[in-house]
Amino acid sequence: MTALSTASQRLFASTLRQVAIEQADRLAIAIQKQPDSKSLRLDSVFTIDPSGSGLPQVLSRKALLDPLRHGHTVILTPIAYTEDVPRAVIVPANDAVLALTKELAGLASTPDPDEDPMVTAERIGRLQREVSLDRVILLDSLGGIPAFNRRQTSHVFINMEQEYDDIENELLQASEIVPAAESSLLKAGPSSITDNNPISKFINEEVVPVPSGPPEELKIAAPHRSAIEGHLENLRVAQKALAMLPSASSGIITSPFEVASSAQTSPTSEFSAVGTRRQRNPLIHNLLTDKPLLSSSLPMSRRGPMNNGQDTLYPVTSHTTFVKRGMPLTMLPNPWAEPWTAQSRPRLKLDDPSIDLPRLVSLIEDSFDRKLDVQDYLNRVNDRLAGLIIAGEYEGGAILTWELPPGVKDDGSEASNARMVPYLDKFAVLKRSQGAGGVADIVFNAMVRSCFPNGVCWRSRKNNPVNKWYFERSLGTWKLSDTNWTMFWTTPGLVEDSQKFRDYEAVCRSIQPSWADDTGVVD
């Protein structure tokens, strides 16, 4: 039995190596056929310890970089060779990605303990200057990372610094729920999901042809990788790769199907609220803009269709996921430990030691391009502050308050608390961070998902160019007559609740600005 099992494993490994080489050659030929394109499949790039375990390493940096310098698209197979007695070993593709990232980022060399630290730093810096690596692209038939704990069905943007642990736990929890249902899909065969997908047919039949009726030993040696396990692997490799790259680095996780579909113009979809237009190629879009295809703060109703409208246990192919190494997010108070309610006492104050008030003021003044009357502003908001959201090192933020409509007495009673309006008083992003890095999305998502999940309102000048962005993310808008304000809200059912609607409107009409250059122009 042992001999049979070992022989089967060797046969399976040999088959995998052969398939990997054949498909790499096919890809190289396809690239060569494109105008002014050159490709090269490199062998013997990776080395691994004799046991075949652990992460592989790049054997020769020069052998890898020389063809790149000559304009070749280099294709590598996930095959490593043991160090002592050369033996080919199939390694996980994700391990190969991490080994490449580590090498190209200049972090693969082992420091000499006897070497002067300054010399070591200069040597590593020299390696890092050889290659500019700030983008990671993962192509997987599974597509982007699905979302299970929110209304959206996929994560279109992941701020790794803030969201990685939560999304990993979300996928782990989902993996414990779906095995039974997933096994029923497997019994029906993998093609039951993808038979109507022409790209999947091409991949199954042409790119990775699997012999029909493989020996039982091969089936045992190649256990099925569940979809959720695949998403977990992609999330983890993206996080580990970005951790080795500059803080501004980014990447995408998408599927060959979504990339190929971008060449087609889809007819009007009943599932989309957006007009018909050619789908953007996620690869080209990422390379040109370093932004997600969709804003992560867009409501699900304003996103495009998924899975051709099919209702499945979980998204088989998700929207493309844009990932960034990202920035930390601070919410004061922490809504998970202390929910933001109108009854919360004592309330946080902006001059609290946990808040860097000068940097917060600088953020507001840079974003609005106006000087703030700091003392007047503190006098107005300090006794009604609901909380504060800060992205990164005060690159973006939001100040949220509990406001009472004019005429309602603030006596702490249940009736008074019931009339409190959750209000977004300031939403600010540094000019250098506007339109890049997803800072606005990070702050907005924290506000509507974590801090005020039951809704919030705010106001904006009627001619504010940001209003289109607000409109796409709100549940409703109302132009306040005889003013220059438009009111926005994310509160479900607000229009049906006439008293609450009047309270929201009264608050948005009554807030007085606190600018030092009080020119009479609304903020």
Protein backbone atom coordinates (compact mmCIF):
# COMPACT_ATOMS: atom_id res chain seq x y z
CA MET A 1 0.00 0.00 0.00
CA THR A 2 2.83 2.38 0.88
CA ALA A 3 4.66 1.66 -2.36
CA LEU A 4 1.47 2.15 -4.37
CA SER A 5 0.71 5.41 -2.59
CA THR A 6 4.25 6.71 -3.13
CA ALA A 7 4.21 5.71 -6.79
CA SER A 8 0.84 7.39 -7.26
CA GLN A 9 2.07 10.57 -5.65
CA ARG A 10 5.15 10.61 -7.88
CA LEU A 11 2.99 10.02 -10.95
CA PHE A 12 0.65 12.80 -9.91
CA ALA A 13 3.56 15.20 -9.27
CA SER A 14 5.07 14.35 -12.64
CA THR A 15 1.71 14.97 -14.33
CA LEU A 16 1.38 18.34 -12.60
CA ARG A 17 4.88 19.39 -13.68
CA GLN A 18 4.19 18.40 -17.26
CA VAL A 19 0.87 20.28 -17.32
CA ALA A 20 2.50 23.37 -15.77
CA ILE A 21 5.28 23.39 -18.39
CA GLU A 22 2.86 22.84 -21.27
CA GLN A 23 0.59 25.66 -20.17
CA ALA A 24 3.53 28.01 -19.57
CA ASP A 25 4.71 27.29 -23.11
CA ARG A 26 1.24 27.96 -24.50
CA LEU A 27 1.15 31.28 -22.68
CA ALA A 28 4.62 32.18 -23.95
CA ILE A 29 3.58 31.42 -27.54
CA ALA A 30 0.43 33.53 -27.17
CA ILE A 31 2.48 36.48 -25.90
CA GLN A 32 5.01 36.08 -28.72
CA LYS A 33 2.21 36.43 -31.27
CA GLN A 34 1.40 39.93 -30.01
CA PRO A 35 3.10 42.90 -31.74
CA ASP A 36 6.44 43.90 -30.23
CA SER A 37 6.12 41.30 -27.48
CA LYS A 38 8.74 38.86 -26.28
CA SER A 39 8.33 36.13 -23.70
CA LEU A 40 10.52 33.59 -22.03
CA ARG A 41 9.81 30.58 -19.84
CA LEU A 42 12.51 30.20 -17.23
CA ASP A 43 13.38 26.86 -15.67
CA SER A 44 15.30 26.16 -12.47
CA VAL A 45 14.38 29.52 -10.94
CA PHE A 46 13.34 28.27 -7.52
CA THR A 47 15.25 26.22 -4.99
CA ILE A 48 13.93 24.52 -1.87
CA ASP A 49 15.38 22.60 1.06
CA PRO A 50 15.95 18.83 0.60
CA SER A 51 12.76 17.89 2.45
CA GLY A 52 10.72 19.82 -0.11
CA SER A 53 9.06 21.84 2.66
CA GLY A 54 9.23 25.50 3.57
CA LEU A 55 9.14 28.48 1.24
CA PRO A 56 11.14 28.29 -2.00
CA GLN A 57 13.84 30.83 -2.80
CA VAL A 58 14.99 32.39 -6.05
CA LEU A 59 18.17 30.61 -7.09
CA SER A 60 19.65 33.40 -9.23
CA ARG A 61 18.56 37.04 -9.13
CA LYS A 62 20.59 37.77 -12.27
CA ALA A 63 18.92 34.99 -14.27
CA LEU A 64 15.56 36.49 -13.34
CA LEU A 65 16.33 40.16 -13.97
CA ASP A 66 18.37 39.92 -17.20
CA PRO A 67 15.43 38.92 -19.46
CA LEU A 68 13.23 41.51 -17.75
CA ARG A 69 15.77 44.21 -18.56
CA HIS A 70 15.66 43.10 -22.20
CA GLY A 71 11.89 43.55 -22.38
CA HIS A 72 10.83 39.93 -22.03
CA THR A 73 7.67 38.84 -20.27
CA VAL A 74 9.06 36.15 -17.98
CA ILE A 75 6.91 33.10 -17.27
CA LEU A 76 7.75 30.89 -14.31
CA THR A 77 6.27 27.56 -13.34
CA PRO A 78 5.74 26.66 -9.65
CA ILE A 79 8.51 24.06 -9.76
CA ALA A 80 11.44 24.16 -7.33
CA TYR A 81 14.56 22.00 -7.16
CA THR A 82 16.01 20.59 -3.97
CA GLU A 83 19.41 21.95 -3.00
CA ASP A 84 21.59 18.86 -2.49
CA VAL A 85 20.37 16.15 -4.82
CA PRO A 86 18.44 17.94 -7.61
CA ARG A 87 14.82 16.81 -7.51
CA ALA A 88 11.89 18.68 -9.01
CA VAL A 89 9.18 19.57 -6.51
CA ILE A 90 5.82 21.17 -7.26
CA VAL A 91 5.33 24.10 -4.87
CA PRO A 92 2.12 26.04 -4.22
CA ALA A 93 1.83 28.89 -6.70
CA ASN A 94 1.23 31.30 -3.82
CA ASP A 95 4.55 30.28 -2.27
CA ALA A 96 6.24 31.02 -5.59
CA VAL A 97 4.58 34.46 -5.65
CA LEU A 98 5.87 35.23 -2.15
CA ALA A 99 9.38 34.03 -3.03
CA LEU A 100 9.41 36.28 -6.10
CA THR A 101 8.08 39.24 -4.14
CA LYS A 102 10.70 38.80 -1.45
CA GLU A 103 13.49 38.62 -4.04
CA LEU A 104 12.33 41.56 -6.14
CA ALA A 105 11.73 43.65 -3.01
CA GLY A 106 15.37 43.14 -2.07
CA LEU A 107 14.56 41.26 1.14
CA ALA A 108 15.76 37.77 0.25
CA SER A 109 19.42 38.13 1.22
CA THR A 110 20.44 36.82 4.63
CA PRO A 111 22.16 39.57 6.65
CA ASP A 112 25.67 38.86 7.89
CA PRO A 113 25.74 39.38 11.69
CA ASP A 114 29.34 40.59 11.42
CA GLU A 115 28.54 43.15 8.73
CA ASP A 116 28.26 46.83 9.61
CA PRO A 117 24.52 47.73 9.80
CA MET A 118 25.10 50.74 7.54
CA VAL A 119 26.71 48.51 4.92
CA THR A 120 23.79 46.06 5.20
CA ALA A 121 21.26 48.86 4.77
CA GLU A 122 23.10 50.22 1.72
CA ARG A 123 23.30 46.76 0.15
CA ILE A 124 19.56 46.15 0.63
CA GLY A 125 18.79 49.66 -0.64
CA ARG A 126 20.85 49.00 -3.76
CA LEU A 127 18.86 45.81 -4.43
CA GLN A 128 15.57 47.64 -3.93
CA ARG A 129 16.58 50.37 -6.38
CA GLU A 130 17.12 47.75 -9.09
CA VAL A 131 13.41 46.96 -9.31
CA SER A 132 10.34 49.15 -8.84
CA LEU A 133 7.71 46.76 -7.51
CA ASP A 134 4.48 48.21 -6.18
CA ARG A 135 1.72 46.09 -7.73
CA VAL A 136 0.56 42.51 -7.11
CA ILE A 137 -1.96 40.89 -9.49
CA LEU A 138 -3.58 37.54 -8.65
CA LEU A 139 -5.58 35.82 -11.40
CA ASP A 140 -7.83 33.05 -10.11
CA SER A 141 -11.01 31.59 -11.55
CA LEU A 142 -12.63 32.29 -8.16
CA GLY A 143 -12.33 36.02 -8.71
CA GLY A 144 -12.35 38.57 -5.91
CA ILE A 145 -12.94 38.02 -2.20
CA PRO A 146 -16.62 37.41 -1.30
CA ALA A 147 -18.34 39.18 1.60
CA PHE A 148 -20.61 37.26 3.96
CA ASN A 149 -21.13 39.70 6.85
CA ARG A 150 -22.54 42.68 4.97
CA ARG A 151 -25.14 43.59 2.38
CA GLN A 152 -22.56 43.61 -0.39
CA THR A 153 -21.72 40.21 -1.86
CA SER A 154 -18.07 40.97 -2.46
CA HIS A 155 -15.21 43.08 -1.18
CA VAL A 156 -14.29 45.52 -3.93
CA PHE A 157 -11.64 47.25 -1.80
CA ILE A 158 -9.70 45.88 1.17
CA ASN A 159 -7.58 48.11 3.40
CA MET A 160 -5.30 45.35 4.70
CA GLU A 161 -4.03 47.34 7.67
CA GLN A 162 -7.57 47.74 8.96
CA GLU A 163 -9.65 44.88 7.54
CA TYR A 164 -7.42 41.82 7.07
CA ASP A 165 -8.14 40.10 10.39
CA ASP A 166 -11.90 40.70 10.17
CA ILE A 167 -12.18 39.39 6.60
CA GLU A 168 -10.01 36.36 7.37
CA ASN A 169 -12.28 35.51 10.32
CA GLU A 170 -15.33 36.11 8.12
CA LEU A 171 -14.08 33.55 5.58
CA LEU A 172 -13.10 31.07 8.31
CA GLN A 173 -16.59 31.27 9.79
CA ALA A 174 -18.14 30.80 6.37
CA SER A 175 -15.95 27.75 5.76
CA GLU A 176 -17.52 26.09 8.80
CA ILE A 177 -21.06 26.73 7.57
CA VAL A 178 -20.99 25.63 3.94
CA PRO A 179 -19.14 22.25 3.77
CA ALA A 180 -22.31 20.18 3.62
CA ALA A 181 -23.91 22.31 0.93
CA GLU A 182 -20.60 22.57 -0.90
CA SER A 183 -20.18 18.80 -0.95
CA SER A 184 -23.51 18.46 -2.72
CA LEU A 185 -22.20 20.78 -5.43
CA LEU A 186 -19.09 18.64 -5.73
CA LYS A 187 -21.13 15.46 -6.14
CA ALA A 188 -22.81 17.11 -9.11
CA GLY A 189 -19.35 17.72 -10.53
CA PRO A 190 -17.35 20.92 -10.96
CA SER A 191 -18.91 21.59 -14.35
CA SER A 192 -22.36 21.99 -12.75
CA ILE A 193 -21.37 25.52 -11.79
CA THR A 194 -19.52 26.54 -14.92
CA ASP A 195 -21.10 24.66 -17.84
CA ASN A 196 -22.72 27.85 -19.13
CA ASN A 197 -19.53 29.86 -18.78
CA PRO A 198 -17.61 29.86 -22.09
CA ILE A 199 -14.36 31.02 -20.49
CA SER A 200 -14.61 28.29 -17.87
CA LYS A 201 -15.20 25.75 -20.64
CA PHE A 202 -12.10 26.98 -22.41
CA ILE A 203 -10.02 26.76 -19.24
CA ASN A 204 -11.34 23.31 -18.33
CA GLU A 205 -11.04 21.86 -21.82
CA GLU A 206 -8.03 23.68 -23.25
CA VAL A 207 -5.84 25.36 -20.65
CA VAL A 208 -5.75 22.54 -18.08
CA PRO A 209 -6.99 19.36 -19.76
CA VAL A 210 -7.61 16.68 -17.15
CA PRO A 211 -7.62 13.04 -18.30
CA SER A 212 -11.02 11.45 -17.93
CA GLY A 213 -11.37 8.67 -15.38
CA PRO A 214 -8.09 9.15 -13.44
CA PRO A 215 -6.92 6.33 -11.20
CA GLU A 216 -8.39 6.36 -7.69
CA GLU A 217 -4.94 7.04 -6.24
CA LEU A 218 -4.73 10.29 -8.21
CA LYS A 219 -8.13 11.37 -6.90
CA ILE A 220 -6.95 10.81 -3.34
CA ALA A 221 -3.68 12.60 -3.98
CA ALA A 222 -5.48 15.67 -5.34
CA PRO A 223 -8.18 16.65 -2.84
CA HIS A 224 -10.60 19.33 -3.95
CA ARG A 225 -9.71 22.85 -2.90
CA SER A 226 -12.94 24.45 -1.77
CA ALA A 227 -13.83 27.89 -3.03
CA ILE A 228 -13.59 29.46 0.41
CA GLU A 229 -10.18 27.88 1.04
CA GLY A 230 -9.08 29.37 -2.28
CA HIS A 231 -10.32 32.83 -1.28
CA LEU A 232 -8.51 32.51 2.06
CA GLU A 233 -5.28 31.60 0.29
CA ASN A 234 -5.61 34.56 -2.08
CA LEU A 235 -6.33 36.96 0.79
CA ARG A 236 -3.33 35.72 2.76
CA VAL A 237 -0.86 35.80 -0.11
CA ALA A 238 -1.96 39.33 -1.05
CA GLN A 239 -1.49 40.48 2.54
CA LYS A 240 1.94 38.86 2.89
CA ALA A 241 3.14 40.19 -0.46
CA LEU A 242 1.99 43.76 0.20
CA ALA A 243 3.62 43.66 3.64
CA MET A 244 6.99 43.36 1.87
CA LEU A 245 6.33 46.31 -0.44
CA PRO A 246 6.10 50.09 0.08
CA SER A 247 3.10 51.36 2.03
CA ALA A 248 1.55 52.82 -1.14
CA SER A 249 1.67 49.45 -2.93
CA SER A 250 -1.53 47.81 -4.11
CA GLY A 251 -2.88 44.86 -6.03
CA ILE A 252 -5.97 43.20 -7.42
CA ILE A 253 -7.53 39.77 -7.19
CA THR A 254 -9.63 38.99 -10.25
CA SER A 255 -10.59 36.19 -12.61
CA PRO A 256 -9.58 35.48 -16.22
CA PHE A 257 -13.29 35.49 -17.04
CA GLU A 258 -13.78 39.05 -15.80
CA VAL A 259 -10.73 40.24 -17.71
CA ALA A 260 -11.87 38.51 -20.91
CA SER A 261 -15.43 39.81 -20.52
CA SER A 262 -14.20 43.40 -20.59
CA ALA A 263 -13.81 43.16 -24.36
CA GLN A 264 -17.57 42.67 -24.74
CA THR A 265 -20.34 45.25 -24.56
CA SER A 266 -23.12 43.84 -22.44
CA PRO A 267 -26.77 44.60 -23.18
CA THR A 268 -28.70 46.59 -20.61
CA SER A 269 -28.93 44.56 -17.43
CA GLU A 270 -32.01 44.45 -15.25
CA PHE A 271 -29.72 44.02 -12.27
CA SER A 272 -27.76 47.22 -12.73
CA ALA A 273 -28.72 50.79 -12.04
CA VAL A 274 -25.94 52.01 -14.30
CA GLY A 275 -26.36 52.67 -18.02
CA THR A 276 -25.02 50.28 -20.63
CA ARG A 277 -21.34 50.67 -21.43
CA ARG A 278 -18.33 48.53 -22.13
CA GLN A 279 -17.04 46.85 -19.01
CA ARG A 280 -13.65 48.15 -17.93
CA ASN A 281 -10.72 45.77 -18.02
CA PRO A 282 -9.73 45.35 -14.35
CA LEU A 283 -6.04 44.83 -15.19
CA ILE A 284 -5.71 47.92 -17.39
CA HIS A 285 -7.84 49.99 -15.02
CA ASN A 286 -5.64 49.02 -12.07
CA LEU A 287 -2.39 49.75 -13.90
CA LEU A 288 -3.60 53.16 -15.10
CA THR A 289 -5.43 54.42 -12.01
CA ASP A 290 -4.31 52.38 -8.99
CA LYS A 291 -7.96 52.41 -7.91
CA PRO A 292 -10.73 49.81 -7.57
CA LEU A 293 -13.16 49.31 -10.45
CA LEU A 294 -15.99 50.24 -8.09
CA SER A 295 -15.97 52.40 -5.01
CA SER A 296 -16.27 50.21 -1.91
CA SER A 297 -18.70 52.66 -0.32
CA LEU A 298 -21.22 52.35 -3.16
CA PRO A 299 -24.47 50.66 -2.04
CA MET A 300 -25.13 47.24 -3.55
CA SER A 301 -28.03 48.65 -5.60
CA ARG A 302 -25.57 50.82 -7.54
CA ARG A 303 -23.16 48.03 -8.39
CA GLY A 304 -23.26 45.84 -11.46
CA PRO A 305 -24.55 42.26 -11.65
CA MET A 306 -22.68 39.23 -10.35
CA ASN A 307 -22.77 35.61 -11.42
CA ASN A 308 -25.08 36.50 -14.31
CA GLY A 309 -27.84 36.90 -11.75
CA GLN A 310 -27.54 33.31 -10.56
CA ASP A 311 -28.51 32.63 -6.95
CA THR A 312 -25.81 30.45 -5.44
CA LEU A 313 -24.71 29.51 -1.95
CA TYR A 314 -21.90 32.02 -2.20
CA PRO A 315 -20.41 34.00 -5.07
CA VAL A 316 -18.57 31.59 -7.34
CA THR A 317 -16.99 34.48 -9.19
CA SER A 318 -16.88 37.77 -7.30
CA HIS A 319 -16.20 41.26 -8.48
CA THR A 320 -12.55 42.17 -8.76
CA THR A 321 -11.07 42.98 -5.36
CA PHE A 322 -8.64 45.89 -5.07
CA VAL A 323 -6.22 45.52 -2.15
CA LYS A 324 -3.88 48.01 -0.54
CA ARG A 325 -1.37 47.65 2.22
CA GLY A 326 -3.35 50.61 3.45
CA MET A 327 -3.56 52.57 6.65
CA PRO A 328 -4.86 52.03 10.18
CA LEU A 329 -8.30 53.34 11.12
CA THR A 330 -9.12 54.81 14.52
CA MET A 331 -12.69 55.16 15.79
CA LEU A 332 -13.17 57.03 19.08
CA PRO A 333 -14.90 55.69 21.03
CA ASN A 334 -14.54 52.15 19.69
CA PRO A 335 -18.09 51.32 18.49
CA TRP A 336 -17.54 47.59 19.07
CA ALA A 337 -16.80 48.18 22.75
CA GLU A 338 -19.04 51.21 23.23
CA PRO A 339 -21.79 51.69 20.61
CA TRP A 340 -22.46 55.27 19.60
CA THR A 341 -25.85 56.06 21.12
CA ALA A 342 -27.59 59.29 22.05
CA GLN A 343 -27.70 58.07 25.66
CA SER A 344 -23.89 57.67 25.96
CA ARG A 345 -22.44 59.70 28.83
CA PRO A 346 -19.92 61.18 29.41
CA ARG A 347 -19.24 62.19 25.84
CA LEU A 348 -15.87 62.38 24.14
CA LYS A 349 -14.46 65.88 23.63
CA LEU A 350 -12.21 67.02 20.78
CA ASP A 351 -9.62 68.34 23.25
CA ASP A 352 -9.32 64.87 24.81
CA PRO A 353 -5.66 63.75 25.18
CA SER A 354 -6.34 60.81 22.83
CA ILE A 355 -6.97 63.27 19.97
CA ASP A 356 -4.24 65.28 18.27
CA LEU A 357 -6.29 68.46 17.98
CA PRO A 358 -3.71 70.51 16.01
CA ARG A 359 -3.46 67.76 13.37
CA LEU A 360 -7.24 67.44 13.26
CA VAL A 361 -7.61 71.18 12.73
CA SER A 362 -4.92 71.07 10.04
CA LEU A 363 -6.81 68.26 8.29
CA ILE A 364 -10.06 70.23 8.29
CA GLU A 365 -8.44 73.45 7.08
CA ASP A 366 -6.52 71.66 4.32
CA SER A 367 -9.60 69.80 3.10
CA PHE A 368 -11.99 72.79 3.16
CA ASP A 369 -9.29 75.33 2.26
CA ARG A 370 -10.59 77.62 5.03
CA LYS A 371 -9.42 78.62 8.50
CA LEU A 372 -11.41 77.19 11.39
CA ASP A 373 -12.42 79.22 14.44
CA VAL A 374 -11.20 76.47 16.74
CA GLN A 375 -12.58 77.74 20.04
CA ASP A 376 -15.99 78.53 18.57
CA TYR A 377 -16.08 75.08 17.00
CA LEU A 378 -15.13 73.35 20.26
CA ASN A 379 -17.81 75.30 22.11
CA ARG A 380 -20.40 74.10 19.61
CA VAL A 381 -19.56 70.38 19.30
CA ASN A 382 -17.85 69.31 22.53
CA ASP A 383 -21.05 68.64 24.47
CA ARG A 384 -22.73 66.80 21.61
CA LEU A 385 -19.87 64.79 20.08
CA ALA A 386 -20.88 61.25 19.08
CA GLY A 387 -17.42 60.22 17.96
CA LEU A 388 -14.44 60.70 15.70
CA ILE A 389 -13.05 58.64 12.80
CA ILE A 390 -9.41 59.07 11.79
CA ALA A 391 -7.74 57.36 8.80
CA GLY A 392 -3.99 56.85 8.94
CA GLU A 393 -1.95 59.74 10.29
CA TYR A 394 -4.83 62.21 10.06
CA GLU A 395 -5.04 61.79 6.28
CA GLY A 396 -8.81 61.70 6.48
CA GLY A 397 -11.49 61.86 9.11
CA ALA A 398 -15.07 62.48 10.14
CA ILE A 399 -16.54 64.29 13.13
CA LEU A 400 -20.01 63.09 14.08
CA THR A 401 -22.42 64.63 16.55
CA TRP A 402 -25.83 64.14 18.13
CA GLU A 403 -27.97 67.18 17.32
CA LEU A 404 -31.35 68.25 18.67
CA PRO A 405 -33.84 70.10 16.48
CA PRO A 406 -34.41 73.73 17.54
CA GLY A 407 -36.99 73.97 20.31
CA VAL A 408 -36.38 70.50 21.76
CA LYS A 409 -35.01 70.71 25.31
CA ASP A 410 -31.76 68.85 25.96
CA ASP A 411 -32.57 67.48 29.42
CA GLY A 412 -31.27 63.91 29.00
CA SER A 413 -34.79 62.51 29.15
CA GLU A 414 -35.91 59.55 27.08
CA ALA A 415 -38.08 61.84 24.98
CA SER A 416 -35.15 64.17 24.34
CA ASN A 417 -32.79 61.32 23.42
CA ALA A 418 -35.39 59.93 21.01
CA ARG A 419 -35.30 63.18 19.03
CA MET A 420 -31.48 63.22 18.73
CA VAL A 421 -30.32 63.33 15.10
CA PRO A 422 -27.08 61.50 14.10
CA TYR A 423 -25.20 64.17 12.14
CA LEU A 424 -22.00 64.17 10.07
CA ASP A 425 -20.53 67.53 11.01
CA LYS A 426 -17.19 67.36 9.18
CA PHE A 427 -15.96 64.96 6.51
CA ALA A 428 -12.39 65.80 5.52
CA VAL A 429 -9.59 64.30 3.41
CA LEU A 430 -6.19 65.89 2.87
CA LYS A 431 -5.87 67.37 -0.63
CA ARG A 432 -2.91 65.11 -1.42
CA SER A 433 -5.01 62.05 -0.51
CA GLN A 434 -8.19 63.04 -2.35
CA GLY A 435 -9.06 60.71 -5.20
CA ALA A 436 -6.32 58.24 -4.27
CA GLY A 437 -5.79 55.47 -1.80
CA GLY A 438 -9.46 55.06 -0.99
CA VAL A 439 -9.21 57.32 2.08
CA ALA A 440 -12.71 58.75 1.62
CA ASP A 441 -14.17 55.26 1.14
CA ILE A 442 -12.41 53.97 4.27
CA VAL A 443 -13.82 56.77 6.42
CA PHE A 444 -17.31 56.63 4.90
CA ASN A 445 -17.54 52.85 5.28
CA ALA A 446 -16.52 53.07 8.93
CA MET A 447 -19.22 55.67 9.49
CA VAL A 448 -22.13 53.80 7.90
CA ARG A 449 -21.12 50.23 8.78
CA SER A 450 -19.59 50.52 12.25
CA CYS A 451 -20.46 53.85 13.85
CA PHE A 452 -23.94 54.74 12.59
CA PRO A 453 -25.28 51.54 10.94
CA ASN A 454 -28.87 52.73 11.45
CA GLY A 455 -28.32 55.90 9.48
CA VAL A 456 -26.80 59.37 9.55
CA CYS A 457 -27.50 62.68 7.83
CA TRP A 458 -25.40 65.59 6.62
CA ARG A 459 -25.65 68.67 4.47
CA SER A 460 -23.64 70.05 1.57
CA ARG A 461 -23.68 73.15 -0.60
CA LYS A 462 -26.00 72.69 -3.57
CA ASN A 463 -23.14 73.45 -5.96
CA ASN A 464 -20.55 71.30 -4.16
CA PRO A 465 -18.77 69.11 -6.77
CA VAL A 466 -18.62 66.32 -4.18
CA ASN A 467 -22.42 66.02 -4.21
CA LYS A 468 -22.36 63.38 -6.96
CA TRP A 469 -20.19 61.22 -4.68
CA TYR A 470 -22.58 61.86 -1.77
CA PHE A 471 -25.64 61.15 -3.91
CA GLU A 472 -24.32 57.74 -4.99
CA ARG A 473 -23.79 56.70 -1.35
CA SER A 474 -26.91 58.10 0.28
CA LEU A 475 -30.40 56.65 0.49
CA GLY A 476 -31.97 60.00 -0.24
CA THR A 477 -31.46 63.74 -0.74
CA TRP A 478 -33.57 66.84 -0.16
CA LYS A 479 -32.85 70.38 -1.32
CA LEU A 480 -33.64 72.72 1.57
CA SER A 481 -35.74 75.57 0.22
CA ASP A 482 -34.55 79.15 0.80
CA THR A 483 -31.04 77.89 1.58
CA ASN A 484 -27.95 76.83 -0.32
CA TRP A 485 -28.03 73.39 1.33
CA THR A 486 -28.81 69.88 0.13
CA MET A 487 -29.55 67.33 2.85
CA PHE A 488 -28.34 63.73 2.48
CA TRP A 489 -29.12 60.69 4.61
CA THR A 490 -28.46 56.95 4.87
CA THR A 491 -31.32 56.24 7.30
CA PRO A 492 -33.73 53.56 6.01
CA GLY A 493 -37.40 54.56 5.92
CA LEU A 494 -36.74 58.21 6.74
CA VAL A 495 -39.29 59.60 4.28
CA GLU A 496 -42.04 57.44 5.79
CA ASP A 497 -41.31 58.80 9.30
CA SER A 498 -42.54 62.39 8.99
CA GLN A 499 -41.44 63.46 12.49
CA LYS A 500 -37.91 62.15 12.04
CA PHE A 501 -37.70 63.71 8.57
CA ARG A 502 -38.72 67.11 9.97
CA ASP A 503 -36.11 66.74 12.73
CA TYR A 504 -33.39 65.93 10.19
CA GLU A 505 -34.35 68.93 8.07
CA ALA A 506 -34.49 71.27 11.07
CA VAL A 507 -31.00 70.23 12.19
CA CYS A 508 -29.52 70.68 8.71
CA ARG A 509 -31.07 74.14 8.51
CA SER A 510 -29.94 75.31 11.95
CA ILE A 511 -26.25 74.31 12.26
CA GLN A 512 -24.08 77.43 12.35
CA PRO A 513 -20.62 77.31 10.69
CA SER A 514 -17.46 78.03 12.70
CA TRP A 515 -15.04 79.48 10.18
CA ALA A 516 -12.56 82.16 11.20
CA ASP A 517 -12.98 83.93 7.84
CA ASP A 518 -16.73 84.38 8.26
CA THR A 519 -17.54 85.86 4.88
CA GLY A 520 -21.15 84.81 4.96
CA VAL A 521 -20.44 82.08 2.41
CA VAL A 522 -21.81 78.74 3.53
CA ASP A 523 -19.26 76.00 4.25
